[in-house]
Amino acid sequence: MKLFILVFFCVCGFVKADEDERLPNKCEVCKFLTLELQDALEKTGRSKEVLEVGEVLDTGKRRRKIKYNTSETRLTEAVDNICERILQYNVHAERPGSLRYAKGASQTMTTLKNLVHKGVKVDLGLPYELWDEPSVEVSDMKKQCETMLEQYEEVVEDWYFHHQDQRLENFLCQSHVLKASEQECMKEAWKGDMGTKGGAEEAVSDSTEEEGTSEKEGKTHDAGEL
């Protein structure tokens, strides 16, 4: 019962926090938008499919053939509903910064569910069957993702056709969307399980110490690692 009381008060304190301060910022939205889009494109990047475009005219001209992995079709298919993938994320309140958004159940929610399975009554203000529904934060990130994607559609296309030698997150977020003072979350890299307070603090410290390394590699954590 003591465990229940401790967890319950921790959750209550989190819920009562200023919600505006917990909504995802522009940096976090851009970071996860680019992670998901880069991941979707990488899954089709090695395709050897060839597309035939254009119409056969009376002059006898043949349809033009282009490689799928360099085609506009590939980009269109990757972008389509890309922001829906944001809804697969959950809030991991025990993690720092942008690392609080990740796929899979959070440590806090796992603990609460275990308590319920042991017969402990846990009241979060909503039915148990809704516990796994996208949170307000995640739903807000999806909406911001859709707005950002629409606003910077031409920038994404420019990257796809002319600048794929750069990471998308660097080209879009750091060069076009974010001011220098808004790019802090881009330096936060996934270090593994940070369920404990010590682990979380270590991750923040490592992120600062290895900032130079992260910038050289031009990479944070991949979508598949979340």
C-alpha atoms as a PDB file:
ATOM      1  CA  MET A   1       0.000   0.000   0.000  1.00  0.00           C
ATOM      2  CA  LYS A   2       2.903   2.359   0.687  1.00  0.00           C
ATOM      3  CA  LEU A   3       4.095   1.784  -2.861  1.00  0.00           C
ATOM      4  CA  PHE A   4       0.662   2.663  -4.191  1.00  0.00           C
ATOM      5  CA  ILE A   5       0.504   5.867  -2.163  1.00  0.00           C
ATOM      6  CA  LEU A   6       3.959   6.927  -3.361  1.00  0.00           C
ATOM      7  CA  VAL A   7       3.215   6.276  -7.028  1.00  0.00           C
ATOM      8  CA  PHE A   8      -0.242   7.826  -6.766  1.00  0.00           C
ATOM      9  CA  PHE A   9       1.101  11.077  -5.353  1.00  0.00           C
ATOM     10  CA  CYS A  10       3.850  11.182  -7.984  1.00  0.00           C
ATOM     11  CA  VAL A  11       1.258  10.837 -10.735  1.00  0.00           C
ATOM     12  CA  CYS A  12      -1.042  13.394  -9.156  1.00  0.00           C
ATOM     13  CA  GLY A  13       1.823  15.873  -8.905  1.00  0.00           C
ATOM     14  CA  PHE A  14       2.590  15.376 -12.571  1.00  0.00           C
ATOM     15  CA  VAL A  15      -1.031  15.858 -13.647  1.00  0.00           C
ATOM     16  CA  LYS A  16      -1.364  19.037 -11.628  1.00  0.00           C
ATOM     17  CA  ALA A  17       1.722  20.558 -13.242  1.00  0.00           C
ATOM     18  CA  ASP A  18       1.237  23.387 -15.680  1.00  0.00           C
ATOM     19  CA  GLU A  19       0.075  21.579 -18.837  1.00  0.00           C
ATOM     20  CA  ASP A  20       1.303  24.346 -21.137  1.00  0.00           C
ATOM     21  CA  GLU A  21       4.856  23.730 -19.936  1.00  0.00           C
ATOM     22  CA  ARG A  22       4.593  20.019 -20.747  1.00  0.00           C
ATOM     23  CA  LEU A  23       3.307  20.281 -24.309  1.00  0.00           C
ATOM     24  CA  PRO A  24       5.939  19.450 -26.935  1.00  0.00           C
ATOM     25  CA  ASN A  25       7.934  22.399 -28.218  1.00  0.00           C
ATOM     26  CA  LYS A  26       8.903  23.135 -31.814  1.00  0.00           C
ATOM     27  CA  CYS A  27      12.271  21.426 -31.456  1.00  0.00           C
ATOM     28  CA  GLU A  28      10.711  18.187 -30.212  1.00  0.00           C
ATOM     29  CA  VAL A  29       8.073  18.204 -32.943  1.00  0.00           C
ATOM     30  CA  CYS A  30      10.662  18.699 -35.680  1.00  0.00           C
ATOM     31  CA  LYS A  31      12.973  16.115 -34.161  1.00  0.00           C
ATOM     32  CA  PHE A  32      10.392  13.325 -34.171  1.00  0.00           C
ATOM     33  CA  LEU A  33       8.889  14.330 -37.505  1.00  0.00           C
ATOM     34  CA  THR A  34      12.288  13.979 -39.152  1.00  0.00           C
ATOM     35  CA  LEU A  35      13.094  10.767 -37.267  1.00  0.00           C
ATOM     36  CA  GLU A  36       9.921   9.121 -38.536  1.00  0.00           C
ATOM     37  CA  LEU A  37      10.245  10.428 -42.093  1.00  0.00           C
ATOM     38  CA  GLN A  38      13.908   9.453 -42.346  1.00  0.00           C
ATOM     39  CA  ASP A  39      13.028   5.994 -41.014  1.00  0.00           C
ATOM     40  CA  ALA A  40      10.183   5.570 -43.523  1.00  0.00           C
ATOM     41  CA  LEU A  41      12.458   6.552 -46.408  1.00  0.00           C
ATOM     42  CA  GLU A  42      15.301   4.291 -45.285  1.00  0.00           C
ATOM     43  CA  LYS A  43      12.977   1.287 -45.407  1.00  0.00           C
ATOM     44  CA  THR A  44      12.415   1.805 -49.138  1.00  0.00           C
ATOM     45  CA  GLY A  45      15.818   3.232 -50.068  1.00  0.00           C
ATOM     46  CA  ARG A  46      17.200  -0.033 -51.442  1.00  0.00           C
ATOM     47  CA  SER A  47      14.259  -0.841 -53.675  1.00  0.00           C
ATOM     48  CA  LYS A  48      15.243  -1.765 -57.241  1.00  0.00           C
ATOM     49  CA  GLU A  49      11.742  -1.134 -58.591  1.00  0.00           C
ATOM     50  CA  VAL A  50      11.503   0.905 -61.798  1.00  0.00           C
ATOM     51  CA  LEU A  51       8.495   3.115 -62.520  1.00  0.00           C
ATOM     52  CA  GLU A  52       7.146   4.042 -65.924  1.00  0.00           C
ATOM     53  CA  VAL A  53       5.749   7.547 -66.081  1.00  0.00           C
ATOM     54  CA  GLY A  54       4.075   9.588 -68.764  1.00  0.00           C
ATOM     55  CA  GLU A  55       1.654   8.537 -71.499  1.00  0.00           C
ATOM     56  CA  VAL A  56       2.284   6.827 -74.814  1.00  0.00           C
ATOM     57  CA  LEU A  57       1.598   9.398 -77.507  1.00  0.00           C
ATOM     58  CA  ASP A  58       0.515   8.907 -81.125  1.00  0.00           C
ATOM     59  CA  THR A  59       4.071   9.805 -82.075  1.00  0.00           C
ATOM     60  CA  GLY A  60       5.190   6.476 -80.639  1.00  0.00           C
ATOM     61  CA  LYS A  61       7.259   7.938 -77.804  1.00  0.00           C
ATOM     62  CA  ARG A  62       7.798   5.485 -74.983  1.00  0.00           C
ATOM     63  CA  ARG A  63       6.958   6.086 -71.368  1.00  0.00           C
ATOM     64  CA  ARG A  64       9.883   7.364 -69.331  1.00  0.00           C
ATOM     65  CA  LYS A  65      11.419   4.993 -66.793  1.00  0.00           C
ATOM     66  CA  ILE A  66      12.723   6.220 -63.431  1.00  0.00           C
ATOM     67  CA  LYS A  67      14.077   4.444 -60.376  1.00  0.00           C
ATOM     68  CA  TYR A  68      11.605   4.214 -57.512  1.00  0.00           C
ATOM     69  CA  ASN A  69      14.201   5.087 -54.862  1.00  0.00           C
ATOM     70  CA  THR A  70      14.773   8.497 -56.468  1.00  0.00           C
ATOM     71  CA  SER A  71      11.179   9.148 -57.495  1.00  0.00           C
ATOM     72  CA  GLU A  72       8.646  11.627 -56.186  1.00  0.00           C
ATOM     73  CA  THR A  73       6.329   8.670 -55.627  1.00  0.00           C
ATOM     74  CA  ARG A  74       8.602   7.313 -52.925  1.00  0.00           C
ATOM     75  CA  LEU A  75       8.621  10.640 -51.087  1.00  0.00           C
ATOM     76  CA  THR A  76       4.849  11.020 -51.396  1.00  0.00           C
ATOM     77  CA  GLU A  77       4.247   7.545 -49.987  1.00  0.00           C
ATOM     78  CA  ALA A  78       6.630   8.182 -47.082  1.00  0.00           C
ATOM     79  CA  VAL A  79       5.101  11.555 -46.198  1.00  0.00           C
ATOM     80  CA  ASP A  80       1.524  10.288 -46.431  1.00  0.00           C
ATOM     81  CA  ASN A  81       0.159   9.926 -42.865  1.00  0.00           C
ATOM     82  CA  ILE A  82       3.686  10.232 -41.427  1.00  0.00           C
ATOM     83  CA  CYS A  83       2.348  12.275 -38.526  1.00  0.00           C
ATOM     84  CA  GLU A  84      -0.013   9.418 -37.632  1.00  0.00           C
ATOM     85  CA  ARG A  85       3.098   7.520 -36.527  1.00  0.00           C
ATOM     86  CA  ILE A  86       3.539  10.088 -33.766  1.00  0.00           C
ATOM     87  CA  LEU A  87       0.521   8.523 -32.050  1.00  0.00           C
ATOM     88  CA  GLN A  88       2.618   5.401 -31.422  1.00  0.00           C
ATOM     89  CA  TYR A  89       4.640   7.370 -28.875  1.00  0.00           C
ATOM     90  CA  ASN A  90       3.993   7.542 -25.160  1.00  0.00           C
ATOM     91  CA  VAL A  91       5.085  10.016 -22.517  1.00  0.00           C
ATOM     92  CA  HIS A  92       7.860   8.653 -20.301  1.00  0.00           C
ATOM     93  CA  ALA A  93       7.701  11.215 -17.508  1.00  0.00           C
ATOM     94  CA  GLU A  94      10.735   9.688 -15.785  1.00  0.00           C
ATOM     95  CA  ARG A  95      13.019  10.674 -18.699  1.00  0.00           C
ATOM     96  CA  PRO A  96      14.540  14.123 -19.320  1.00  0.00           C
ATOM     97  CA  GLY A  97      13.866  16.525 -22.182  1.00  0.00           C
ATOM     98  CA  SER A  98      12.772  15.183 -25.541  1.00  0.00           C
ATOM     99  CA  LEU A  99      13.631  11.644 -24.411  1.00  0.00           C
ATOM    100  CA  ARG A 100      10.330  11.656 -22.550  1.00  0.00           C
ATOM    101  CA  TYR A 101       8.695  10.839 -25.897  1.00  0.00           C
ATOM    102  CA  ALA A 102       9.299   7.235 -26.901  1.00  0.00           C
ATOM    103  CA  LYS A 103       7.483   4.176 -28.142  1.00  0.00           C
ATOM    104  CA  GLY A 104       6.515   1.494 -25.643  1.00  0.00           C
ATOM    105  CA  ALA A 105       4.988   1.707 -22.179  1.00  0.00           C
ATOM    106  CA  SER A 106       6.532   4.127 -19.707  1.00  0.00           C
ATOM    107  CA  GLN A 107       7.956   2.953 -16.395  1.00  0.00           C
ATOM    108  CA  THR A 108       5.264   4.881 -14.522  1.00  0.00           C
ATOM    109  CA  MET A 109       2.391   3.346 -16.488  1.00  0.00           C
ATOM    110  CA  THR A 110       3.883  -0.136 -16.206  1.00  0.00           C
ATOM    111  CA  THR A 111       4.082   0.269 -12.423  1.00  0.00           C
ATOM    112  CA  LEU A 112       0.467   1.448 -12.221  1.00  0.00           C
ATOM    113  CA  LYS A 113      -0.780  -1.442 -14.350  1.00  0.00           C
ATOM    114  CA  ASN A 114       1.112  -3.915 -12.176  1.00  0.00           C
ATOM    115  CA  LEU A 115      -0.604  -2.436  -9.140  1.00  0.00           C
ATOM    116  CA  VAL A 116      -4.001  -2.872 -10.792  1.00  0.00           C
ATOM    117  CA  HIS A 117      -3.190  -6.506 -11.616  1.00  0.00           C
ATOM    118  CA  LYS A 118      -2.340  -7.043  -7.942  1.00  0.00           C
ATOM    119  CA  GLY A 119      -5.763  -5.786  -6.942  1.00  0.00           C
ATOM    120  CA  VAL A 120      -4.759  -2.266  -5.893  1.00  0.00           C
ATOM    121  CA  LYS A 121      -7.290   0.428  -6.782  1.00  0.00           C
ATOM    122  CA  VAL A 122      -5.667   3.133  -8.910  1.00  0.00           C
ATOM    123  CA  ASP A 123      -7.724   6.168  -9.890  1.00  0.00           C
ATOM    124  CA  LEU A 124      -6.303   8.302 -12.714  1.00  0.00           C
ATOM    125  CA  GLY A 125      -9.594   9.995 -13.488  1.00  0.00           C
ATOM    126  CA  LEU A 126     -10.316   7.920 -16.600  1.00  0.00           C
ATOM    127  CA  PRO A 127     -11.348   4.301 -17.310  1.00  0.00           C
ATOM    128  CA  TYR A 128      -8.611   1.658 -17.363  1.00  0.00           C
ATOM    129  CA  GLU A 129      -9.343   0.790 -20.998  1.00  0.00           C
ATOM    130  CA  LEU A 130      -8.394   4.369 -21.996  1.00  0.00           C
ATOM    131  CA  TRP A 131      -4.988   4.340 -20.294  1.00  0.00           C
ATOM    132  CA  ASP A 132      -3.261   3.365 -23.544  1.00  0.00           C
ATOM    133  CA  GLU A 133      -4.944   6.024 -25.676  1.00  0.00           C
ATOM    134  CA  PRO A 134      -2.659   8.816 -26.984  1.00  0.00           C
ATOM    135  CA  SER A 135      -2.029  11.431 -24.308  1.00  0.00           C
ATOM    136  CA  VAL A 136      -2.771  15.142 -24.668  1.00  0.00           C
ATOM    137  CA  GLU A 137       0.941  15.760 -25.260  1.00  0.00           C
ATOM    138  CA  VAL A 138       1.257  13.161 -28.006  1.00  0.00           C
ATOM    139  CA  SER A 139      -1.961  14.277 -29.706  1.00  0.00           C
ATOM    140  CA  ASP A 140      -0.696  17.859 -29.635  1.00  0.00           C
ATOM    141  CA  MET A 141       2.609  16.753 -31.171  1.00  0.00           C
ATOM    142  CA  LYS A 142       0.724  15.060 -34.017  1.00  0.00           C
ATOM    143  CA  LYS A 143      -1.200  18.276 -34.748  1.00  0.00           C
ATOM    144  CA  GLN A 144       1.969  20.363 -34.678  1.00  0.00           C
ATOM    145  CA  CYS A 145       3.646  17.780 -36.926  1.00  0.00           C
ATOM    146  CA  GLU A 146       0.911  18.147 -39.549  1.00  0.00           C
ATOM    147  CA  THR A 147       1.164  21.950 -39.453  1.00  0.00           C
ATOM    148  CA  MET A 148       4.962  21.892 -39.684  1.00  0.00           C
ATOM    149  CA  LEU A 149       4.951  19.398 -42.546  1.00  0.00           C
ATOM    150  CA  GLU A 150       2.513  21.524 -44.512  1.00  0.00           C
ATOM    151  CA  GLN A 151       4.479  24.709 -43.824  1.00  0.00           C
ATOM    152  CA  TYR A 152       7.853  23.220 -44.832  1.00  0.00           C
ATOM    153  CA  GLU A 153       6.729  20.872 -47.600  1.00  0.00           C
ATOM    154  CA  GLU A 154       8.951  22.553 -50.193  1.00  0.00           C
ATOM    155  CA  VAL A 155      11.970  22.353 -47.892  1.00  0.00           C
ATOM    156  CA  VAL A 156      11.442  18.604 -47.454  1.00  0.00           C
ATOM    157  CA  GLU A 157      11.188  18.189 -51.225  1.00  0.00           C
ATOM    158  CA  ASP A 158      14.348  20.237 -51.739  1.00  0.00           C
ATOM    159  CA  TRP A 159      16.200  17.988 -49.283  1.00  0.00           C
ATOM    160  CA  TYR A 160      14.881  14.821 -50.932  1.00  0.00           C
ATOM    161  CA  PHE A 161      15.901  15.766 -54.464  1.00  0.00           C
ATOM    162  CA  HIS A 162      19.089  17.741 -53.788  1.00  0.00           C
ATOM    163  CA  HIS A 163      20.496  17.342 -50.261  1.00  0.00           C
ATOM    164  CA  GLN A 164      20.219  13.732 -49.105  1.00  0.00           C
ATOM    165  CA  ASP A 165      23.911  13.828 -48.279  1.00  0.00           C
ATOM    166  CA  GLN A 166      22.735  15.624 -45.096  1.00  0.00           C
ATOM    167  CA  ARG A 167      20.614  14.184 -42.309  1.00  0.00           C
ATOM    168  CA  LEU A 168      17.035  15.407 -42.669  1.00  0.00           C
ATOM    169  CA  GLU A 169      16.934  16.589 -39.059  1.00  0.00           C
ATOM    170  CA  ASN A 170      19.966  18.803 -39.694  1.00  0.00           C
ATOM    171  CA  PHE A 171      18.699  20.199 -42.994  1.00  0.00           C
ATOM    172  CA  LEU A 172      15.089  20.806 -41.936  1.00  0.00           C
ATOM    173  CA  CYS A 173      15.220  21.479 -38.215  1.00  0.00           C
ATOM    174  CA  GLN A 174      18.558  23.188 -37.703  1.00  0.00           C
ATOM    175  CA  SER A 175      18.791  25.037 -41.007  1.00  0.00           C
ATOM    176  CA  HIS A 176      15.170  26.038 -41.620  1.00  0.00           C
ATOM    177  CA  VAL A 177      12.726  25.509 -38.748  1.00  0.00           C
ATOM    178  CA  LEU A 178      14.601  26.302 -35.543  1.00  0.00           C
ATOM    179  CA  LYS A 179      16.533  29.301 -34.326  1.00  0.00           C
ATOM    180  CA  ALA A 180      19.914  28.575 -32.741  1.00  0.00           C
ATOM    181  CA  SER A 181      18.394  29.106 -29.294  1.00  0.00           C
ATOM    182  CA  GLU A 182      15.650  26.531 -29.983  1.00  0.00           C
ATOM    183  CA  GLN A 183      17.858  23.580 -30.937  1.00  0.00           C
ATOM    184  CA  GLU A 184      18.663  22.171 -27.502  1.00  0.00           C
ATOM    185  CA  CYS A 185      16.648  18.961 -27.931  1.00  0.00           C
ATOM    186  CA  MET A 186      18.598  18.024 -31.062  1.00  0.00           C
ATOM    187  CA  LYS A 187      21.623  17.314 -28.848  1.00  0.00           C
ATOM    188  CA  GLU A 188      19.754  14.876 -26.615  1.00  0.00           C
ATOM    189  CA  ALA A 189      20.712  11.326 -27.569  1.00  0.00           C
ATOM    190  CA  TRP A 190      19.202   8.045 -26.480  1.00  0.00           C
ATOM    191  CA  LYS A 191      21.494   6.237 -23.996  1.00  0.00           C
ATOM    192  CA  GLY A 192      19.373   3.200 -23.194  1.00  0.00           C
ATOM    193  CA  ASP A 193      17.212   2.493 -20.159  1.00  0.00           C
ATOM    194  CA  MET A 194      16.899   5.600 -18.016  1.00  0.00           C
ATOM    195  CA  GLY A 195      14.133   4.419 -15.728  1.00  0.00           C
ATOM    196  CA  THR A 196      16.006   5.504 -12.622  1.00  0.00           C
ATOM    197  CA  LYS A 197      16.656   9.036 -11.532  1.00  0.00           C
ATOM    198  CA  GLY A 198      20.401   8.458 -11.640  1.00  0.00           C
ATOM    199  CA  GLY A 199      20.206   7.173 -15.163  1.00  0.00           C
ATOM    200  CA  ALA A 200      18.242  10.205 -16.269  1.00  0.00           C
ATOM    201  CA  GLU A 201      20.730  12.586 -14.720  1.00  0.00           C
ATOM    202  CA  GLU A 202      23.600  10.677 -16.338  1.00  0.00           C
ATOM    203  CA  ALA A 203      21.924  10.981 -19.739  1.00  0.00           C
ATOM    204  CA  VAL A 204      21.656  14.752 -19.405  1.00  0.00           C
ATOM    205  CA  SER A 205      25.282  14.960 -18.328  1.00  0.00           C
ATOM    206  CA  ASP A 206      26.470  12.701 -21.155  1.00  0.00           C
ATOM    207  CA  SER A 207      24.469  14.718 -23.663  1.00  0.00           C
ATOM    208  CA  THR A 208      26.314  17.862 -22.642  1.00  0.00           C
ATOM    209  CA  GLU A 209      29.761  16.238 -22.522  1.00  0.00           C
ATOM    210  CA  GLU A 210      29.371  14.512 -25.892  1.00  0.00           C
ATOM    211  CA  GLU A 211      27.799  17.427 -27.706  1.00  0.00           C
ATOM    212  CA  GLY A 212      30.800  17.695 -29.992  1.00  0.00           C
ATOM    213  CA  THR A 213      30.582  14.010 -30.902  1.00  0.00           C
ATOM    214  CA  SER A 214      26.861  14.201 -31.627  1.00  0.00           C
ATOM    215  CA  GLU A 215      27.324  17.175 -33.921  1.00  0.00           C
ATOM    216  CA  LYS A 216      30.095  15.439 -35.848  1.00  0.00           C
ATOM    217  CA  GLU A 217      27.978  12.346 -36.394  1.00  0.00           C
ATOM    218  CA  GLY A 218      24.938  14.483 -37.186  1.00  0.00           C
ATOM    219  CA  LYS A 219      22.687  11.860 -35.592  1.00  0.00           C
ATOM    220  CA  THR A 220      20.513  11.420 -32.531  1.00  0.00           C
ATOM    221  CA  HIS A 221      18.533   8.252 -31.801  1.00  0.00           C
ATOM    222  CA  ASP A 222      16.739   6.442 -34.596  1.00  0.00           C
ATOM    223  CA  ALA A 223      13.016   5.692 -34.576  1.00  0.00           C
ATOM    224  CA  GLY A 224      13.682   1.988 -34.339  1.00  0.00           C
ATOM    225  CA  GLU A 225      15.617   2.456 -31.064  1.00  0.00           C
ATOM    226  CA  LEU A 226      12.660   3.999 -29.266  1.00  0.00           C
END
